[in-house]
Amino acid sequence: MTDTPQVINTLRTKASQLEAFIAKAERDIDRARKDLAHVHATMTLFEAPRENGQPSYMNVNALFRRRELASLCKQALANGPMNTRELALWVIQHKGLDGDDRYLRTAVALRVVQALTMQAKRGAGIERAGKVSNVVVWQVV
């Protein structure tokens, strides 16, 4: 016979059952937290536009009509050479969008580079004037 009383054996069995139950409950809570994070992310995608009128995730391609970006850049460059970042900020402010949104500024800057590169290839009166701090400077010819 063993010298451990039956009560201790029963309590050890109950303790191991409770530990297993707690471990399963913690796994379920972790799974529920992950599910909740996904639900919140999906709600963000479908929620109404922010107070400044632009949606949380906007399609920058839909922001400009065909060749509108190039004509806006030509208007800005009429005052003298500007770099890509300055042009992007000028276009954003001209369209009445949030100039403090760095993702929007980056997306518009990439579109500016694309539009002005195509204008330069077409010989439409815009050319690269060089680079300053790894940023292309544009000018009207």
C-alpha atoms as a PDB file:
ATOM      1  CA  MET A   1       0.000   0.000   0.000  1.00  0.00           C
ATOM      2  CA  THR A   2       1.001   3.533  -0.509  1.00  0.00           C
ATOM      3  CA  ASP A   3       1.438   5.921   2.339  1.00  0.00           C
ATOM      4  CA  THR A   4      -0.282   8.844   0.454  1.00  0.00           C
ATOM      5  CA  PRO A   5      -3.819   9.373   1.670  1.00  0.00           C
ATOM      6  CA  GLN A   6      -6.663   8.993  -0.822  1.00  0.00           C
ATOM      7  CA  VAL A   7      -7.631  12.636  -0.357  1.00  0.00           C
ATOM      8  CA  ILE A   8      -4.244  13.819  -1.697  1.00  0.00           C
ATOM      9  CA  ASN A   9      -4.520  11.535  -4.738  1.00  0.00           C
ATOM     10  CA  THR A  10      -8.027  12.816  -5.456  1.00  0.00           C
ATOM     11  CA  LEU A  11      -6.877  16.440  -5.088  1.00  0.00           C
ATOM     12  CA  ARG A  12      -3.913  15.871  -7.435  1.00  0.00           C
ATOM     13  CA  THR A  13      -6.247  14.380 -10.039  1.00  0.00           C
ATOM     14  CA  LYS A  14      -8.625  17.317  -9.655  1.00  0.00           C
ATOM     15  CA  ALA A  15      -5.708  19.803  -9.912  1.00  0.00           C
ATOM     16  CA  SER A  16      -4.475  18.231 -13.164  1.00  0.00           C
ATOM     17  CA  GLN A  17      -8.035  18.339 -14.569  1.00  0.00           C
ATOM     18  CA  LEU A  18      -8.317  22.033 -13.672  1.00  0.00           C
ATOM     19  CA  GLU A  19      -4.894  22.783 -15.195  1.00  0.00           C
ATOM     20  CA  ALA A  20      -5.980  21.116 -18.441  1.00  0.00           C
ATOM     21  CA  PHE A  21      -9.263  23.056 -18.385  1.00  0.00           C
ATOM     22  CA  ILE A  22      -7.415  26.376 -17.831  1.00  0.00           C
ATOM     23  CA  ALA A  23      -4.936  25.639 -20.650  1.00  0.00           C
ATOM     24  CA  LYS A  24      -7.834  24.906 -23.034  1.00  0.00           C
ATOM     25  CA  ALA A  25      -9.650  28.072 -21.916  1.00  0.00           C
ATOM     26  CA  GLU A  26      -6.491  30.161 -22.522  1.00  0.00           C
ATOM     27  CA  ARG A  27      -6.164  28.691 -26.039  1.00  0.00           C
ATOM     28  CA  ASP A  28      -9.821  29.519 -26.678  1.00  0.00           C
ATOM     29  CA  ILE A  29      -9.285  33.085 -25.432  1.00  0.00           C
ATOM     30  CA  ASP A  30      -6.251  33.500 -27.711  1.00  0.00           C
ATOM     31  CA  ARG A  31      -8.282  32.234 -30.667  1.00  0.00           C
ATOM     32  CA  ALA A  32     -11.148  34.592 -29.767  1.00  0.00           C
ATOM     33  CA  ARG A  33      -8.730  37.562 -29.552  1.00  0.00           C
ATOM     34  CA  LYS A  34      -7.358  36.766 -33.016  1.00  0.00           C
ATOM     35  CA  ASP A  35     -10.888  36.452 -34.402  1.00  0.00           C
ATOM     36  CA  LEU A  36     -11.805  39.795 -32.836  1.00  0.00           C
ATOM     37  CA  ALA A  37      -8.770  41.457 -34.416  1.00  0.00           C
ATOM     38  CA  HIS A  38      -9.848  40.144 -37.834  1.00  0.00           C
ATOM     39  CA  VAL A  39     -13.395  41.420 -37.292  1.00  0.00           C
ATOM     40  CA  HIS A  40     -12.055  44.875 -36.376  1.00  0.00           C
ATOM     41  CA  ALA A  41      -9.811  44.926 -39.454  1.00  0.00           C
ATOM     42  CA  THR A  42     -12.754  44.002 -41.686  1.00  0.00           C
ATOM     43  CA  MET A  43     -14.912  46.712 -40.094  1.00  0.00           C
ATOM     44  CA  THR A  44     -12.166  49.253 -40.840  1.00  0.00           C
ATOM     45  CA  LEU A  45     -12.234  48.271 -44.500  1.00  0.00           C
ATOM     46  CA  PHE A  46     -15.985  48.777 -44.786  1.00  0.00           C
ATOM     47  CA  GLU A  47     -16.574  51.697 -42.447  1.00  0.00           C
ATOM     48  CA  ALA A  48     -17.844  55.068 -43.615  1.00  0.00           C
ATOM     49  CA  PRO A  49     -15.400  57.699 -44.848  1.00  0.00           C
ATOM     50  CA  ARG A  50     -13.465  59.668 -42.271  1.00  0.00           C
ATOM     51  CA  GLU A  51     -14.506  63.197 -41.377  1.00  0.00           C
ATOM     52  CA  ASN A  52     -12.187  64.687 -44.033  1.00  0.00           C
ATOM     53  CA  GLY A  53     -14.141  62.831 -46.726  1.00  0.00           C
ATOM     54  CA  GLN A  54     -11.577  60.288 -47.834  1.00  0.00           C
ATOM     55  CA  PRO A  55     -12.080  56.616 -47.031  1.00  0.00           C
ATOM     56  CA  SER A  56      -9.732  54.730 -44.747  1.00  0.00           C
ATOM     57  CA  TYR A  57      -8.271  52.905 -47.747  1.00  0.00           C
ATOM     58  CA  MET A  58      -8.585  54.792 -50.973  1.00  0.00           C
ATOM     59  CA  ASN A  59      -7.775  53.848 -54.517  1.00  0.00           C
ATOM     60  CA  VAL A  60      -5.321  56.526 -55.636  1.00  0.00           C
ATOM     61  CA  ASN A  61      -5.988  55.588 -59.257  1.00  0.00           C
ATOM     62  CA  ALA A  62      -9.585  56.733 -58.859  1.00  0.00           C
ATOM     63  CA  LEU A  63      -8.485  60.101 -57.475  1.00  0.00           C
ATOM     64  CA  PHE A  64      -7.423  61.531 -60.833  1.00  0.00           C
ATOM     65  CA  ARG A  65      -9.075  61.632 -64.229  1.00  0.00           C
ATOM     66  CA  ARG A  66      -7.072  60.650 -67.282  1.00  0.00           C
ATOM     67  CA  ARG A  67      -3.975  62.868 -67.572  1.00  0.00           C
ATOM     68  CA  GLU A  68      -5.262  65.147 -64.796  1.00  0.00           C
ATOM     69  CA  LEU A  69      -2.203  64.526 -62.653  1.00  0.00           C
ATOM     70  CA  ALA A  70       0.164  65.574 -65.442  1.00  0.00           C
ATOM     71  CA  SER A  71      -1.765  68.793 -66.046  1.00  0.00           C
ATOM     72  CA  LEU A  72      -1.790  69.596 -62.310  1.00  0.00           C
ATOM     73  CA  CYS A  73       1.973  69.057 -62.199  1.00  0.00           C
ATOM     74  CA  LYS A  74       2.420  71.371 -65.203  1.00  0.00           C
ATOM     75  CA  GLN A  75       0.438  74.050 -63.347  1.00  0.00           C
ATOM     76  CA  ALA A  76       2.681  73.662 -60.313  1.00  0.00           C
ATOM     77  CA  LEU A  77       5.858  73.641 -62.409  1.00  0.00           C
ATOM     78  CA  ALA A  78       4.861  76.920 -64.099  1.00  0.00           C
ATOM     79  CA  ASN A  79       6.248  78.661 -60.990  1.00  0.00           C
ATOM     80  CA  GLY A  80       9.629  76.963 -61.346  1.00  0.00           C
ATOM     81  CA  PRO A  81      11.315  73.589 -60.802  1.00  0.00           C
ATOM     82  CA  MET A  82       9.987  71.395 -57.992  1.00  0.00           C
ATOM     83  CA  ASN A  83      10.948  68.004 -56.679  1.00  0.00           C
ATOM     84  CA  THR A  84       8.628  65.015 -56.603  1.00  0.00           C
ATOM     85  CA  ARG A  85       7.720  65.397 -52.923  1.00  0.00           C
ATOM     86  CA  GLU A  86       6.838  69.058 -53.347  1.00  0.00           C
ATOM     87  CA  LEU A  87       4.738  68.258 -56.406  1.00  0.00           C
ATOM     88  CA  ALA A  88       2.900  65.480 -54.569  1.00  0.00           C
ATOM     89  CA  LEU A  89       2.122  67.784 -51.641  1.00  0.00           C
ATOM     90  CA  TRP A  90       1.002  70.561 -54.021  1.00  0.00           C
ATOM     91  CA  VAL A  91      -1.323  68.158 -55.863  1.00  0.00           C
ATOM     92  CA  ILE A  92      -2.760  66.791 -52.598  1.00  0.00           C
ATOM     93  CA  GLN A  93      -3.460  70.293 -51.295  1.00  0.00           C
ATOM     94  CA  HIS A  94      -4.893  71.377 -54.653  1.00  0.00           C
ATOM     95  CA  LYS A  95      -7.318  68.417 -54.566  1.00  0.00           C
ATOM     96  CA  GLY A  96      -8.301  69.319 -50.974  1.00  0.00           C
ATOM     97  CA  LEU A  97      -6.988  66.110 -49.418  1.00  0.00           C
ATOM     98  CA  ASP A  98      -5.108  65.528 -46.159  1.00  0.00           C
ATOM     99  CA  GLY A  99      -1.493  66.616 -46.675  1.00  0.00           C
ATOM    100  CA  ASP A 100      -0.450  65.089 -43.346  1.00  0.00           C
ATOM    101  CA  ASP A 101      -1.291  61.533 -44.463  1.00  0.00           C
ATOM    102  CA  ARG A 102       2.144  60.116 -45.267  1.00  0.00           C
ATOM    103  CA  TYR A 103       0.734  57.065 -47.065  1.00  0.00           C
ATOM    104  CA  LEU A 104      -1.291  59.285 -49.355  1.00  0.00           C
ATOM    105  CA  ARG A 105       1.751  61.501 -49.988  1.00  0.00           C
ATOM    106  CA  THR A 106       3.852  58.454 -50.877  1.00  0.00           C
ATOM    107  CA  ALA A 107       1.184  57.018 -53.182  1.00  0.00           C
ATOM    108  CA  VAL A 108       0.663  60.336 -54.958  1.00  0.00           C
ATOM    109  CA  ALA A 109       4.442  60.865 -55.266  1.00  0.00           C
ATOM    110  CA  LEU A 110       4.761  57.503 -57.021  1.00  0.00           C
ATOM    111  CA  ARG A 111       1.935  58.475 -59.368  1.00  0.00           C
ATOM    112  CA  VAL A 112       3.631  61.839 -60.026  1.00  0.00           C
ATOM    113  CA  VAL A 113       6.841  60.074 -61.032  1.00  0.00           C
ATOM    114  CA  GLN A 114       4.906  57.767 -63.368  1.00  0.00           C
ATOM    115  CA  ALA A 115       2.913  60.570 -64.950  1.00  0.00           C
ATOM    116  CA  LEU A 116       5.852  62.917 -65.439  1.00  0.00           C
ATOM    117  CA  THR A 117       8.113  60.174 -66.762  1.00  0.00           C
ATOM    118  CA  MET A 118       5.492  59.409 -69.402  1.00  0.00           C
ATOM    119  CA  GLN A 119       5.186  63.132 -70.206  1.00  0.00           C
ATOM    120  CA  ALA A 120       8.973  63.392 -70.585  1.00  0.00           C
ATOM    121  CA  LYS A 121       9.030  60.337 -72.888  1.00  0.00           C
ATOM    122  CA  ARG A 122       6.267  61.854 -75.008  1.00  0.00           C
ATOM    123  CA  GLY A 123       8.161  65.122 -75.289  1.00  0.00           C
ATOM    124  CA  ALA A 124       5.264  66.991 -73.703  1.00  0.00           C
ATOM    125  CA  GLY A 125       7.352  69.820 -72.253  1.00  0.00           C
ATOM    126  CA  ILE A 126       8.458  68.325 -68.935  1.00  0.00           C
ATOM    127  CA  GLU A 127      11.902  66.993 -68.137  1.00  0.00           C
ATOM    128  CA  ARG A 128      14.032  65.887 -65.239  1.00  0.00           C
ATOM    129  CA  ALA A 129      16.282  68.663 -64.002  1.00  0.00           C
ATOM    130  CA  GLY A 130      18.359  66.353 -61.820  1.00  0.00           C
ATOM    131  CA  LYS A 131      18.224  64.884 -58.334  1.00  0.00           C
ATOM    132  CA  VAL A 132      18.501  66.435 -54.907  1.00  0.00           C
ATOM    133  CA  SER A 133      18.807  64.031 -51.955  1.00  0.00           C
ATOM    134  CA  ASN A 134      17.590  61.111 -54.091  1.00  0.00           C
ATOM    135  CA  VAL A 135      14.462  63.031 -55.101  1.00  0.00           C
ATOM    136  CA  VAL A 136      13.906  63.865 -58.770  1.00  0.00           C
ATOM    137  CA  VAL A 137      13.572  67.553 -59.620  1.00  0.00           C
ATOM    138  CA  TRP A 138      11.190  68.351 -62.508  1.00  0.00           C
ATOM    139  CA  GLN A 139      10.950  71.413 -64.702  1.00  0.00           C
ATOM    140  CA  VAL A 140       8.969  72.699 -67.670  1.00  0.00           C
ATOM    141  CA  VAL A 141      10.962  72.891 -70.883  1.00  0.00           C
END
